[in-house]
């Protein structure tokens, strides 16, 4: 099975955010065909746009996941081939899995930039550039983003220090598709604007215990 390296952004600020994100990492690692490659440090960041809410906990996870369809399987029946073509794969399949995990963790419909029980964003999917309509079950519970297209790399990743800081823990030299700079260069640029204290690392991931320490 061909795999691709995907990067997932995690965030939460409702309840025990650290406990929630720890459990979310394990849920991501348990996805069919997925392999956990790396987990960033855990960061605390001030909320964006809507200040009257708790600080967020943020992290990024690297997963090797099934790349998706690369062709038609031989020997399949016409009905089976049609079912295979219609089944979501690649970034769409991963998006649906992320939304399913969010719902399992009690994600509620709220206003844009509001509190989050769990937020999972598909940041990167290998070298792919994607701009497609989201299936109904893959749409955000945020009413302001309900009709937004699935765009990969994530269109806001390069402007969000709470994404760039943990992503640079895992892939500092990576230049995402469509970017003109590396992740680390983007992080340094945003840090010069927002200040080094805008994101605060509070724990590192310990693979032995499966938790941030």
N, C-alpha and C. Protein backbone atom coordinates (compact mmCIF):
# COMPACT_ATOMS: atom_id res chain seq x y z
N UNK A 1 0.84 -1.20 0.00
CA UNK A 1 0.00 0.00 0.00
C UNK A 1 0.88 1.25 0.00
N UNK A 2 0.60 2.14 -0.92
CA UNK A 2 1.34 3.39 -0.98
C UNK A 2 0.83 4.35 0.08
N UNK A 3 1.77 4.98 0.79
CA UNK A 3 1.38 5.92 1.83
C UNK A 3 1.93 7.30 1.52
N UNK A 4 1.41 8.29 2.21
CA UNK A 4 1.84 9.67 2.05
C UNK A 4 1.92 10.29 3.44
N UNK A 5 2.82 11.23 3.61
CA UNK A 5 2.97 11.91 4.90
C UNK A 5 1.96 13.06 4.99
N UNK A 6 1.12 12.99 6.00
CA UNK A 6 0.13 14.04 6.25
C UNK A 6 0.44 14.70 7.59
N UNK A 7 0.12 15.97 7.68
CA UNK A 7 0.30 16.72 8.92
C UNK A 7 -1.06 17.25 9.37
N UNK A 8 -1.39 16.98 10.63
CA UNK A 8 -2.69 17.34 11.19
C UNK A 8 -2.47 18.34 12.32
N UNK A 9 -3.19 19.47 12.28
CA UNK A 9 -3.16 20.43 13.36
C UNK A 9 -4.23 20.10 14.39
N UNK A 10 -3.88 20.16 15.67
CA UNK A 10 -4.81 19.88 16.76
C UNK A 10 -4.95 21.10 17.64
N UNK A 11 -6.17 21.35 18.09
CA UNK A 11 -6.41 22.45 19.01
C UNK A 11 -7.61 22.17 19.89
N UNK A 12 -7.59 22.70 21.11
CA UNK A 12 -8.72 22.57 22.04
C UNK A 12 -8.58 23.60 23.14
N UNK A 13 -9.72 24.09 23.65
CA UNK A 13 -9.69 24.99 24.81
C UNK A 13 -10.92 24.84 25.70
N UNK A 14 -11.62 23.71 25.57
CA UNK A 14 -12.79 23.43 26.41
C UNK A 14 -12.47 22.23 27.28
N UNK A 15 -12.74 22.34 28.57
CA UNK A 15 -12.47 21.23 29.48
C UNK A 15 -10.98 21.01 29.66
N UNK A 16 -10.58 19.76 29.84
CA UNK A 16 -9.17 19.40 30.01
C UNK A 16 -8.55 19.25 28.63
N UNK A 17 -8.07 20.38 28.06
CA UNK A 17 -7.59 20.38 26.68
C UNK A 17 -6.40 19.45 26.48
N UNK A 18 -5.51 19.43 27.44
CA UNK A 18 -4.33 18.57 27.32
C UNK A 18 -4.73 17.10 27.25
N UNK A 19 -5.65 16.69 28.11
CA UNK A 19 -6.13 15.31 28.10
C UNK A 19 -6.84 15.00 26.77
N UNK A 20 -7.63 15.95 26.29
CA UNK A 20 -8.34 15.76 25.03
C UNK A 20 -7.37 15.56 23.87
N UNK A 21 -6.36 16.41 23.78
CA UNK A 21 -5.41 16.31 22.67
C UNK A 21 -4.58 15.04 22.76
N UNK A 22 -4.26 14.61 23.97
CA UNK A 22 -3.54 13.34 24.13
C UNK A 22 -4.38 12.19 23.57
N UNK A 23 -5.65 12.17 23.93
CA UNK A 23 -6.54 11.12 23.43
C UNK A 23 -6.71 11.23 21.92
N UNK A 24 -6.74 12.46 21.39
CA UNK A 24 -6.89 12.66 19.95
C UNK A 24 -5.69 12.12 19.19
N UNK A 25 -4.50 12.28 19.74
CA UNK A 25 -3.30 11.72 19.10
C UNK A 25 -3.46 10.20 18.96
N UNK A 26 -3.93 9.55 20.00
CA UNK A 26 -4.10 8.09 19.95
C UNK A 26 -5.21 7.70 18.97
N UNK A 27 -6.25 8.53 18.87
CA UNK A 27 -7.31 8.26 17.90
C UNK A 27 -6.79 8.38 16.47
N UNK A 28 -5.94 9.36 16.23
CA UNK A 28 -5.35 9.51 14.90
C UNK A 28 -4.44 8.33 14.57
N UNK A 29 -3.65 7.91 15.55
CA UNK A 29 -2.73 6.79 15.33
C UNK A 29 -3.47 5.50 15.04
N UNK A 30 -4.73 5.39 15.52
CA UNK A 30 -5.51 4.17 15.35
C UNK A 30 -6.32 4.15 14.06
N UNK A 31 -6.23 5.21 13.24
CA UNK A 31 -6.97 5.22 11.98
C UNK A 31 -6.50 4.08 11.08
N UNK A 32 -7.40 3.44 10.34
CA UNK A 32 -7.01 2.31 9.49
C UNK A 32 -5.91 2.70 8.50
N UNK A 33 -4.86 1.90 8.49
CA UNK A 33 -3.76 2.12 7.55
C UNK A 33 -2.81 3.24 7.93
N UNK A 34 -3.05 3.89 9.08
CA UNK A 34 -2.21 5.02 9.48
C UNK A 34 -1.08 4.58 10.39
N UNK A 35 0.03 5.32 10.33
CA UNK A 35 1.16 5.09 11.23
C UNK A 35 1.59 6.43 11.80
N UNK A 36 1.66 6.50 13.12
CA UNK A 36 2.09 7.74 13.78
C UNK A 36 3.59 7.91 13.59
N UNK A 37 3.97 9.04 12.99
CA UNK A 37 5.37 9.31 12.69
C UNK A 37 5.99 10.27 13.70
N UNK A 38 5.24 11.26 14.12
CA UNK A 38 5.78 12.23 15.06
C UNK A 38 4.70 13.09 15.68
N UNK A 39 4.99 13.60 16.87
CA UNK A 39 4.08 14.49 17.59
C UNK A 39 4.91 15.68 18.07
N UNK A 40 4.43 16.87 17.81
CA UNK A 40 5.14 18.08 18.20
C UNK A 40 5.08 18.30 19.71
N UNK A 41 5.78 19.30 20.17
CA UNK A 41 5.58 19.77 21.53
C UNK A 41 4.15 20.30 21.66
N UNK A 42 3.70 20.39 22.89
CA UNK A 42 2.38 20.95 23.18
C UNK A 42 2.56 22.43 23.49
N UNK A 43 1.74 23.26 22.86
CA UNK A 43 1.85 24.71 22.99
C UNK A 43 0.58 25.29 23.60
N UNK A 44 0.72 26.39 24.30
CA UNK A 44 -0.41 27.19 24.76
C UNK A 44 -0.38 28.50 23.98
N UNK A 45 -1.52 28.86 23.40
CA UNK A 45 -1.61 30.07 22.59
C UNK A 45 -2.85 30.86 22.97
N UNK A 46 -2.73 32.17 22.84
CA UNK A 46 -3.89 33.03 23.08
C UNK A 46 -4.90 32.84 21.96
N UNK A 47 -6.20 32.95 22.27
CA UNK A 47 -7.22 32.80 21.23
C UNK A 47 -7.10 33.89 20.17
N UNK A 48 -7.49 33.55 18.95
CA UNK A 48 -7.44 34.47 17.82
C UNK A 48 -8.81 35.11 17.62
N UNK A 49 -8.85 36.39 17.38
CA UNK A 49 -10.05 37.15 17.06
C UNK A 49 -11.00 37.33 18.25
N UNK A 50 -11.39 36.25 18.89
CA UNK A 50 -12.31 36.32 20.03
C UNK A 50 -11.51 36.07 21.29
N UNK A 51 -11.20 37.15 22.02
CA UNK A 51 -10.28 37.05 23.16
C UNK A 51 -10.94 36.52 24.42
N UNK A 52 -12.26 36.67 24.55
CA UNK A 52 -12.96 36.31 25.79
C UNK A 52 -13.25 34.81 25.83
N UNK A 53 -12.20 34.01 25.94
CA UNK A 53 -12.31 32.56 26.05
C UNK A 53 -10.97 32.04 26.55
N UNK A 54 -10.93 30.79 27.01
CA UNK A 54 -9.66 30.26 27.53
C UNK A 54 -8.59 30.16 26.44
N UNK A 55 -7.32 30.16 26.87
CA UNK A 55 -6.22 29.91 25.94
C UNK A 55 -6.39 28.53 25.30
N UNK A 56 -5.83 28.40 24.11
CA UNK A 56 -5.87 27.13 23.39
C UNK A 56 -4.61 26.32 23.68
N UNK A 57 -4.76 25.01 23.61
CA UNK A 57 -3.63 24.10 23.53
C UNK A 57 -3.56 23.64 22.07
N UNK A 58 -2.35 23.67 21.51
CA UNK A 58 -2.16 23.33 20.10
C UNK A 58 -0.98 22.38 19.92
N UNK A 59 -1.08 21.57 18.88
CA UNK A 59 0.00 20.65 18.52
C UNK A 59 -0.18 20.26 17.06
N UNK A 60 0.81 19.55 16.53
CA UNK A 60 0.73 19.01 15.17
C UNK A 60 1.21 17.55 15.23
N UNK A 61 0.53 16.71 14.47
CA UNK A 61 0.87 15.29 14.38
C UNK A 61 1.24 14.97 12.93
N UNK A 62 2.28 14.16 12.76
CA UNK A 62 2.64 13.64 11.44
C UNK A 62 2.18 12.20 11.35
N UNK A 63 1.43 11.90 10.29
CA UNK A 63 0.91 10.56 10.06
C UNK A 63 1.27 10.10 8.66
N UNK A 64 1.65 8.84 8.52
CA UNK A 64 1.72 8.21 7.21
C UNK A 64 0.37 7.53 6.99
N UNK A 65 -0.31 7.91 5.93
CA UNK A 65 -1.66 7.43 5.67
C UNK A 65 -1.77 6.91 4.24
N UNK A 66 -2.79 6.10 3.92
CA UNK A 66 -2.96 5.62 2.55
C UNK A 66 -3.07 6.79 1.57
N UNK A 67 -2.34 6.67 0.46
CA UNK A 67 -2.28 7.77 -0.50
C UNK A 67 -3.56 7.94 -1.28
N UNK A 68 -4.34 6.87 -1.42
CA UNK A 68 -5.56 6.96 -2.21
C UNK A 68 -5.42 6.18 -3.50
N UNK A 69 -6.43 6.28 -4.35
CA UNK A 69 -6.46 5.51 -5.59
C UNK A 69 -5.36 5.96 -6.54
N UNK A 70 -4.66 4.99 -7.06
CA UNK A 70 -3.68 5.31 -8.09
C UNK A 70 -4.03 4.63 -9.40
N UNK A 71 -5.13 3.90 -9.41
CA UNK A 71 -5.51 3.19 -10.62
C UNK A 71 -6.67 2.28 -10.34
N UNK A 72 -7.05 1.47 -11.29
CA UNK A 72 -8.18 0.55 -11.12
C UNK A 72 -7.67 -0.85 -10.87
N UNK A 73 -8.19 -1.49 -9.86
CA UNK A 73 -7.77 -2.85 -9.54
C UNK A 73 -8.20 -3.80 -10.64
N UNK A 74 -7.35 -4.77 -10.95
CA UNK A 74 -7.69 -5.74 -11.99
C UNK A 74 -8.58 -6.82 -11.41
N UNK A 75 -9.41 -7.39 -12.27
CA UNK A 75 -10.25 -8.50 -11.87
C UNK A 75 -11.48 -8.10 -11.08
N UNK A 76 -11.71 -6.80 -10.90
CA UNK A 76 -12.87 -6.37 -10.14
C UNK A 76 -14.11 -6.41 -11.02
N UNK A 77 -15.25 -6.68 -10.39
CA UNK A 77 -16.50 -6.64 -11.13
C UNK A 77 -16.84 -5.20 -11.45
N UNK A 78 -17.73 -4.99 -12.40
CA UNK A 78 -18.13 -3.63 -12.76
C UNK A 78 -18.71 -2.91 -11.56
N UNK A 79 -19.56 -3.63 -10.78
CA UNK A 79 -20.16 -3.01 -9.60
C UNK A 79 -19.09 -2.69 -8.57
N UNK A 80 -18.14 -3.62 -8.38
CA UNK A 80 -17.09 -3.39 -7.41
C UNK A 80 -16.18 -2.26 -7.81
N UNK A 81 -15.88 -2.17 -9.12
CA UNK A 81 -15.03 -1.08 -9.59
C UNK A 81 -15.73 0.26 -9.41
N UNK A 82 -17.03 0.30 -9.67
CA UNK A 82 -17.77 1.54 -9.50
C UNK A 82 -17.80 1.96 -8.03
N UNK A 83 -17.99 0.97 -7.13
CA UNK A 83 -17.99 1.27 -5.70
C UNK A 83 -16.63 1.80 -5.27
N UNK A 84 -15.56 1.20 -5.84
CA UNK A 84 -14.22 1.65 -5.48
C UNK A 84 -13.98 3.08 -5.93
N UNK A 85 -14.48 3.42 -7.15
CA UNK A 85 -14.28 4.78 -7.66
C UNK A 85 -15.04 5.79 -6.83
N UNK A 86 -16.21 5.40 -6.29
CA UNK A 86 -17.04 6.35 -5.57
C UNK A 86 -16.65 6.48 -4.10
N UNK A 87 -15.89 5.51 -3.58
CA UNK A 87 -15.49 5.56 -2.18
C UNK A 87 -14.44 6.65 -1.98
N UNK A 88 -14.57 7.44 -0.92
CA UNK A 88 -13.59 8.50 -0.69
C UNK A 88 -12.23 7.93 -0.34
N UNK A 89 -11.17 8.48 -0.91
CA UNK A 89 -9.81 8.06 -0.61
C UNK A 89 -8.94 9.29 -0.48
N UNK A 90 -7.69 9.08 -0.11
CA UNK A 90 -6.74 10.17 -0.04
C UNK A 90 -7.16 11.26 0.92
N UNK A 91 -6.98 12.53 0.54
CA UNK A 91 -7.28 13.63 1.46
C UNK A 91 -8.75 13.70 1.88
N UNK A 92 -9.67 13.33 1.00
CA UNK A 92 -11.08 13.35 1.36
C UNK A 92 -11.36 12.30 2.44
N UNK A 93 -10.80 11.12 2.28
CA UNK A 93 -11.00 10.07 3.30
C UNK A 93 -10.43 10.51 4.63
N UNK A 94 -9.26 11.16 4.61
CA UNK A 94 -8.66 11.62 5.86
C UNK A 94 -9.50 12.73 6.48
N UNK A 95 -9.99 13.65 5.65
CA UNK A 95 -10.87 14.71 6.16
C UNK A 95 -12.08 14.11 6.88
N UNK A 96 -12.73 13.13 6.27
CA UNK A 96 -13.90 12.51 6.88
C UNK A 96 -13.54 11.85 8.21
N UNK A 97 -12.36 11.23 8.27
CA UNK A 97 -11.93 10.61 9.51
C UNK A 97 -11.71 11.66 10.60
N UNK A 98 -11.14 12.80 10.22
CA UNK A 98 -10.91 13.87 11.20
C UNK A 98 -12.22 14.41 11.74
N UNK A 99 -13.19 14.63 10.88
CA UNK A 99 -14.49 15.14 11.33
C UNK A 99 -15.20 14.11 12.20
N UNK A 100 -15.03 12.84 11.91
CA UNK A 100 -15.63 11.80 12.73
C UNK A 100 -15.02 11.81 14.13
N UNK A 101 -13.72 11.99 14.21
CA UNK A 101 -13.06 12.06 15.52
C UNK A 101 -13.53 13.28 16.28
N UNK A 102 -13.64 14.43 15.61
CA UNK A 102 -14.14 15.63 16.27
C UNK A 102 -15.51 15.39 16.89
N UNK A 103 -16.39 14.77 16.12
CA UNK A 103 -17.74 14.51 16.64
C UNK A 103 -17.69 13.55 17.82
N UNK A 104 -16.83 12.55 17.75
CA UNK A 104 -16.71 11.59 18.84
C UNK A 104 -16.24 12.26 20.13
N UNK A 105 -15.49 13.33 20.00
CA UNK A 105 -15.01 14.07 21.16
C UNK A 105 -15.95 15.19 21.58
N UNK A 106 -17.14 15.22 20.98
CA UNK A 106 -18.17 16.16 21.42
C UNK A 106 -18.08 17.54 20.83
N UNK A 107 -17.48 17.68 19.65
CA UNK A 107 -17.37 18.99 19.02
C UNK A 107 -18.76 19.60 18.82
N UNK A 108 -18.94 20.83 19.28
CA UNK A 108 -20.22 21.52 19.20
C UNK A 108 -20.20 22.61 18.13
N UNK A 109 -21.38 22.88 17.57
CA UNK A 109 -21.51 23.98 16.62
C UNK A 109 -21.44 25.30 17.37
N UNK A 110 -20.49 26.14 17.00
CA UNK A 110 -20.36 27.44 17.64
C UNK A 110 -19.99 28.48 16.60
N UNK A 111 -19.93 29.73 17.04
CA UNK A 111 -19.55 30.82 16.16
C UNK A 111 -18.07 30.72 15.78
N UNK A 112 -17.73 31.41 14.70
CA UNK A 112 -16.36 31.37 14.20
C UNK A 112 -15.39 31.91 15.25
N UNK A 113 -14.26 31.23 15.38
CA UNK A 113 -13.19 31.56 16.33
C UNK A 113 -13.61 31.33 17.78
N UNK A 114 -14.73 30.64 17.99
CA UNK A 114 -15.19 30.38 19.34
C UNK A 114 -14.49 29.19 19.97
N UNK A 115 -14.91 28.81 21.17
CA UNK A 115 -14.29 27.68 21.88
C UNK A 115 -14.43 26.38 21.10
N UNK A 116 -13.48 25.47 21.33
CA UNK A 116 -13.45 24.20 20.62
C UNK A 116 -13.18 23.06 21.60
N UNK A 117 -14.07 22.06 21.60
CA UNK A 117 -13.76 20.83 22.32
C UNK A 117 -12.56 20.15 21.67
N UNK A 118 -12.57 20.10 20.35
CA UNK A 118 -11.45 19.53 19.59
C UNK A 118 -11.55 20.04 18.16
N UNK A 119 -10.43 20.53 17.67
CA UNK A 119 -10.34 21.01 16.29
C UNK A 119 -9.21 20.26 15.61
N UNK A 120 -9.51 19.59 14.49
CA UNK A 120 -8.51 18.86 13.73
C UNK A 120 -8.48 19.42 12.32
N UNK A 121 -7.34 19.93 11.90
CA UNK A 121 -7.20 20.53 10.57
C UNK A 121 -6.19 19.74 9.75
N UNK A 122 -6.59 19.41 8.51
CA UNK A 122 -5.66 18.78 7.57
C UNK A 122 -4.78 19.88 6.99
N UNK A 123 -3.52 19.89 7.42
CA UNK A 123 -2.60 20.96 7.00
C UNK A 123 -1.91 20.64 5.68
N UNK A 124 -1.37 19.42 5.58
CA UNK A 124 -0.61 19.00 4.41
C UNK A 124 -0.91 17.55 4.11
N UNK A 125 -0.90 17.21 2.83
CA UNK A 125 -1.09 15.82 2.41
C UNK A 125 -0.05 15.53 1.34
N UNK A 126 1.15 15.16 1.80
CA UNK A 126 2.26 14.94 0.88
C UNK A 126 2.54 16.17 0.04
N UNK A 127 2.73 15.96 -1.24
CA UNK A 127 3.00 17.06 -2.17
C UNK A 127 1.74 17.50 -2.91
N UNK A 128 0.59 17.01 -2.46
CA UNK A 128 -0.64 17.31 -3.18
C UNK A 128 -1.14 18.73 -2.91
N UNK A 129 -1.71 19.33 -3.95
CA UNK A 129 -2.45 20.58 -3.81
C UNK A 129 -3.89 20.26 -4.18
N UNK A 130 -4.79 20.52 -3.25
CA UNK A 130 -6.19 20.10 -3.38
C UNK A 130 -7.10 21.30 -3.20
N UNK A 131 -8.10 21.38 -4.05
CA UNK A 131 -9.16 22.38 -3.90
C UNK A 131 -10.44 21.74 -4.44
N UNK A 132 -11.22 21.16 -3.52
CA UNK A 132 -12.41 20.42 -3.92
C UNK A 132 -13.56 20.73 -2.96
N UNK A 133 -14.77 20.47 -3.40
CA UNK A 133 -15.93 20.63 -2.54
C UNK A 133 -15.93 19.53 -1.49
N UNK A 134 -16.22 19.91 -0.27
CA UNK A 134 -16.27 18.92 0.80
C UNK A 134 -17.56 18.11 0.73
N UNK A 135 -17.49 16.80 0.99
CA UNK A 135 -18.74 16.04 1.13
C UNK A 135 -19.49 16.53 2.36
N UNK A 136 -20.77 16.29 2.39
CA UNK A 136 -21.63 16.80 3.47
C UNK A 136 -21.08 16.45 4.84
N UNK A 137 -20.66 15.20 5.03
CA UNK A 137 -20.21 14.77 6.35
C UNK A 137 -18.81 15.28 6.68
N UNK A 138 -18.16 15.94 5.73
CA UNK A 138 -16.84 16.48 5.97
C UNK A 138 -16.83 17.98 6.16
N UNK A 139 -18.02 18.58 6.28
CA UNK A 139 -18.09 20.02 6.46
C UNK A 139 -17.92 20.41 7.91
N UNK A 140 -17.42 21.61 8.12
CA UNK A 140 -17.14 22.08 9.47
C UNK A 140 -18.44 22.35 10.22
N UNK A 141 -18.45 22.08 11.54
CA UNK A 141 -19.61 22.46 12.34
C UNK A 141 -19.71 23.97 12.55
N UNK A 142 -18.64 24.68 12.23
CA UNK A 142 -18.63 26.14 12.32
C UNK A 142 -19.48 26.69 11.18
N UNK A 143 -20.62 27.35 11.47
CA UNK A 143 -21.50 27.83 10.39
C UNK A 143 -20.79 28.73 9.39
N UNK A 144 -19.80 29.50 9.84
CA UNK A 144 -19.10 30.41 8.95
C UNK A 144 -18.22 29.67 7.95
N UNK A 145 -17.90 28.39 8.24
CA UNK A 145 -17.02 27.63 7.36
C UNK A 145 -17.72 26.42 6.75
N UNK A 146 -19.02 26.34 6.91
CA UNK A 146 -19.75 25.12 6.51
C UNK A 146 -19.63 24.84 5.02
N UNK A 147 -19.55 25.87 4.19
CA UNK A 147 -19.50 25.66 2.74
C UNK A 147 -18.11 25.88 2.18
N UNK A 148 -17.11 26.01 3.05
CA UNK A 148 -15.75 26.24 2.56
C UNK A 148 -15.23 25.00 1.85
N UNK A 149 -14.50 25.20 0.74
CA UNK A 149 -13.90 24.10 0.02
C UNK A 149 -12.77 23.49 0.84
N UNK A 150 -12.48 22.22 0.58
CA UNK A 150 -11.30 21.60 1.17
C UNK A 150 -10.09 22.07 0.37
N UNK A 151 -9.21 22.79 1.02
CA UNK A 151 -8.00 23.30 0.38
C UNK A 151 -6.78 22.79 1.14
N UNK A 152 -5.89 22.13 0.41
CA UNK A 152 -4.65 21.60 0.98
C UNK A 152 -3.51 22.01 0.05
N UNK A 153 -2.41 22.59 0.60
CA UNK A 153 -2.17 22.90 2.00
C UNK A 153 -3.22 23.84 2.58
N UNK A 154 -3.41 23.76 3.90
CA UNK A 154 -4.40 24.58 4.56
C UNK A 154 -4.10 26.05 4.26
N UNK A 155 -5.09 26.82 3.78
CA UNK A 155 -4.83 28.18 3.32
C UNK A 155 -4.34 29.14 4.41
N UNK A 156 -4.61 28.83 5.67
CA UNK A 156 -4.21 29.72 6.76
C UNK A 156 -2.94 29.28 7.47
N UNK A 157 -2.39 28.13 7.09
CA UNK A 157 -1.27 27.57 7.84
C UNK A 157 -0.07 28.51 7.89
N UNK A 158 0.23 29.17 6.79
CA UNK A 158 1.39 30.02 6.73
C UNK A 158 1.25 31.32 7.50
N UNK A 159 0.03 31.61 7.98
CA UNK A 159 -0.21 32.86 8.72
C UNK A 159 -0.47 32.61 10.20
N UNK A 160 -0.45 31.37 10.63
CA UNK A 160 -0.81 31.04 12.00
C UNK A 160 0.40 30.51 12.75
N UNK A 161 0.89 31.29 13.69
CA UNK A 161 2.05 30.88 14.45
C UNK A 161 1.74 29.64 15.29
N UNK A 162 0.47 29.49 15.73
CA UNK A 162 0.13 28.32 16.53
C UNK A 162 0.11 27.04 15.69
N UNK A 163 0.17 27.19 14.36
CA UNK A 163 0.37 26.04 13.47
C UNK A 163 1.85 25.91 13.12
N UNK A 164 2.48 27.01 12.76
CA UNK A 164 3.86 26.98 12.29
C UNK A 164 4.83 26.52 13.37
N UNK A 165 4.61 26.94 14.62
CA UNK A 165 5.54 26.55 15.68
C UNK A 165 5.57 25.03 15.87
N UNK A 166 4.42 24.37 16.09
CA UNK A 166 4.48 22.90 16.24
C UNK A 166 4.86 22.19 14.94
N UNK A 167 4.45 22.73 13.79
CA UNK A 167 4.82 22.10 12.53
C UNK A 167 6.34 22.15 12.33
N UNK A 168 6.96 23.24 12.77
CA UNK A 168 8.42 23.35 12.62
C UNK A 168 9.15 22.40 13.55
N UNK A 169 8.50 21.93 14.61
CA UNK A 169 9.10 20.89 15.45
C UNK A 169 9.32 19.61 14.66
N UNK A 170 8.41 19.34 13.73
CA UNK A 170 8.42 18.07 13.00
C UNK A 170 9.07 18.18 11.63
N UNK A 171 8.91 19.30 10.95
CA UNK A 171 9.39 19.42 9.57
C UNK A 171 9.89 20.83 9.29
N UNK A 172 10.96 21.28 9.97
CA UNK A 172 11.40 22.67 9.81
C UNK A 172 11.85 23.02 8.40
N UNK A 173 12.44 22.06 7.68
CA UNK A 173 12.99 22.35 6.35
C UNK A 173 12.00 22.10 5.22
N UNK A 174 10.83 21.62 5.55
CA UNK A 174 9.82 21.33 4.53
C UNK A 174 9.33 22.60 3.87
N UNK A 175 9.26 22.61 2.55
CA UNK A 175 8.63 23.70 1.80
C UNK A 175 7.32 23.15 1.25
N UNK A 176 6.19 23.48 1.86
CA UNK A 176 4.91 22.93 1.40
C UNK A 176 4.60 23.36 -0.03
N UNK A 177 3.80 22.58 -0.75
CA UNK A 177 3.42 22.93 -2.11
C UNK A 177 2.81 24.34 -2.18
N UNK A 178 3.35 25.16 -3.10
CA UNK A 178 2.84 26.51 -3.27
C UNK A 178 3.49 27.55 -2.38
N UNK A 179 4.29 27.12 -1.42
CA UNK A 179 4.99 28.06 -0.54
C UNK A 179 6.32 28.47 -1.16
N UNK A 180 6.79 29.65 -0.81
CA UNK A 180 8.09 30.13 -1.28
C UNK A 180 9.14 30.08 -0.19
N UNK A 181 8.81 29.54 0.96
CA UNK A 181 9.72 29.47 2.09
C UNK A 181 9.47 28.18 2.86
N UNK A 182 10.44 27.81 3.68
CA UNK A 182 10.30 26.61 4.50
C UNK A 182 9.39 26.90 5.69
N UNK A 183 8.98 25.84 6.35
CA UNK A 183 8.14 25.98 7.54
C UNK A 183 8.87 26.80 8.60
N UNK A 184 10.15 26.52 8.81
CA UNK A 184 10.92 27.25 9.82
C UNK A 184 11.06 28.73 9.46
N UNK A 185 11.25 29.02 8.18
CA UNK A 185 11.34 30.43 7.76
C UNK A 185 10.01 31.14 7.98
N UNK A 186 8.92 30.46 7.70
CA UNK A 186 7.60 31.05 7.92
C UNK A 186 7.36 31.26 9.41
N UNK A 187 7.79 30.30 10.23
CA UNK A 187 7.64 30.45 11.68
C UNK A 187 8.41 31.66 12.19
N UNK A 188 9.66 31.81 11.74
CA UNK A 188 10.47 32.94 12.18
C UNK A 188 9.86 34.26 11.73
N UNK A 189 9.31 34.28 10.54
CA UNK A 189 8.68 35.51 10.04
C UNK A 189 7.48 35.89 10.89
N UNK A 190 6.62 34.91 11.18
CA UNK A 190 5.45 35.21 12.00
C UNK A 190 5.84 35.56 13.44
N UNK A 191 6.87 34.91 13.95
CA UNK A 191 7.31 35.20 15.30
C UNK A 191 7.84 36.63 15.41
N UNK A 192 8.48 37.12 14.35
CA UNK A 192 8.98 38.49 14.37
C UNK A 192 7.83 39.49 14.39
N UNK A 193 6.67 39.09 13.92
CA UNK A 193 5.49 39.95 13.91
C UNK A 193 4.73 39.86 15.23
N UNK A 194 4.51 38.62 15.69
CA UNK A 194 3.67 38.39 16.86
C UNK A 194 4.44 38.34 18.18
N UNK A 195 5.75 38.11 18.11
CA UNK A 195 6.54 37.98 19.31
C UNK A 195 6.72 36.53 19.71
N UNK A 196 7.87 36.23 20.32
CA UNK A 196 8.19 34.85 20.68
C UNK A 196 7.24 34.29 21.72
N UNK A 197 6.63 35.16 22.52
CA UNK A 197 5.74 34.69 23.59
C UNK A 197 4.33 34.38 23.10
N UNK A 198 4.06 34.57 21.81
CA UNK A 198 2.71 34.33 21.29
C UNK A 198 2.32 32.85 21.37
N UNK A 199 3.31 31.99 21.26
CA UNK A 199 3.08 30.55 21.45
C UNK A 199 4.10 30.06 22.47
N UNK A 200 3.62 29.32 23.47
CA UNK A 200 4.48 28.89 24.57
C UNK A 200 4.51 27.37 24.65
N UNK A 201 5.66 26.76 24.36
CA UNK A 201 5.74 25.30 24.52
C UNK A 201 5.70 24.93 25.99
N UNK A 202 4.87 23.96 26.34
CA UNK A 202 4.73 23.59 27.75
C UNK A 202 5.07 22.13 28.01
N UNK A 203 5.20 21.31 26.98
CA UNK A 203 5.49 19.89 27.19
C UNK A 203 5.99 19.27 25.90
N UNK A 204 6.77 18.21 26.03
CA UNK A 204 7.22 17.45 24.86
C UNK A 204 6.54 16.08 24.88
N UNK A 205 6.40 15.50 23.68
CA UNK A 205 5.74 14.20 23.57
C UNK A 205 6.73 13.09 23.93
N UNK A 206 6.30 12.22 24.81
CA UNK A 206 7.08 11.05 25.19
C UNK A 206 6.43 9.82 24.57
N UNK A 207 7.11 9.23 23.60
CA UNK A 207 6.51 8.10 22.88
C UNK A 207 6.35 6.87 23.76
N UNK A 208 7.20 6.76 24.78
CA UNK A 208 7.09 5.60 25.68
C UNK A 208 5.81 5.60 26.47
N UNK A 209 5.45 6.76 27.02
CA UNK A 209 4.21 6.84 27.81
C UNK A 209 3.01 7.24 26.97
N UNK A 210 3.26 7.68 25.73
CA UNK A 210 2.16 8.12 24.88
C UNK A 210 1.46 9.34 25.40
N UNK A 211 2.25 10.29 25.90
CA UNK A 211 1.67 11.51 26.48
C UNK A 211 2.70 12.63 26.45
N UNK A 212 2.22 13.86 26.59
CA UNK A 212 3.14 14.99 26.75
C UNK A 212 3.63 15.04 28.18
N UNK A 213 4.93 15.28 28.35
CA UNK A 213 5.51 15.34 29.70
C UNK A 213 6.32 16.63 29.84
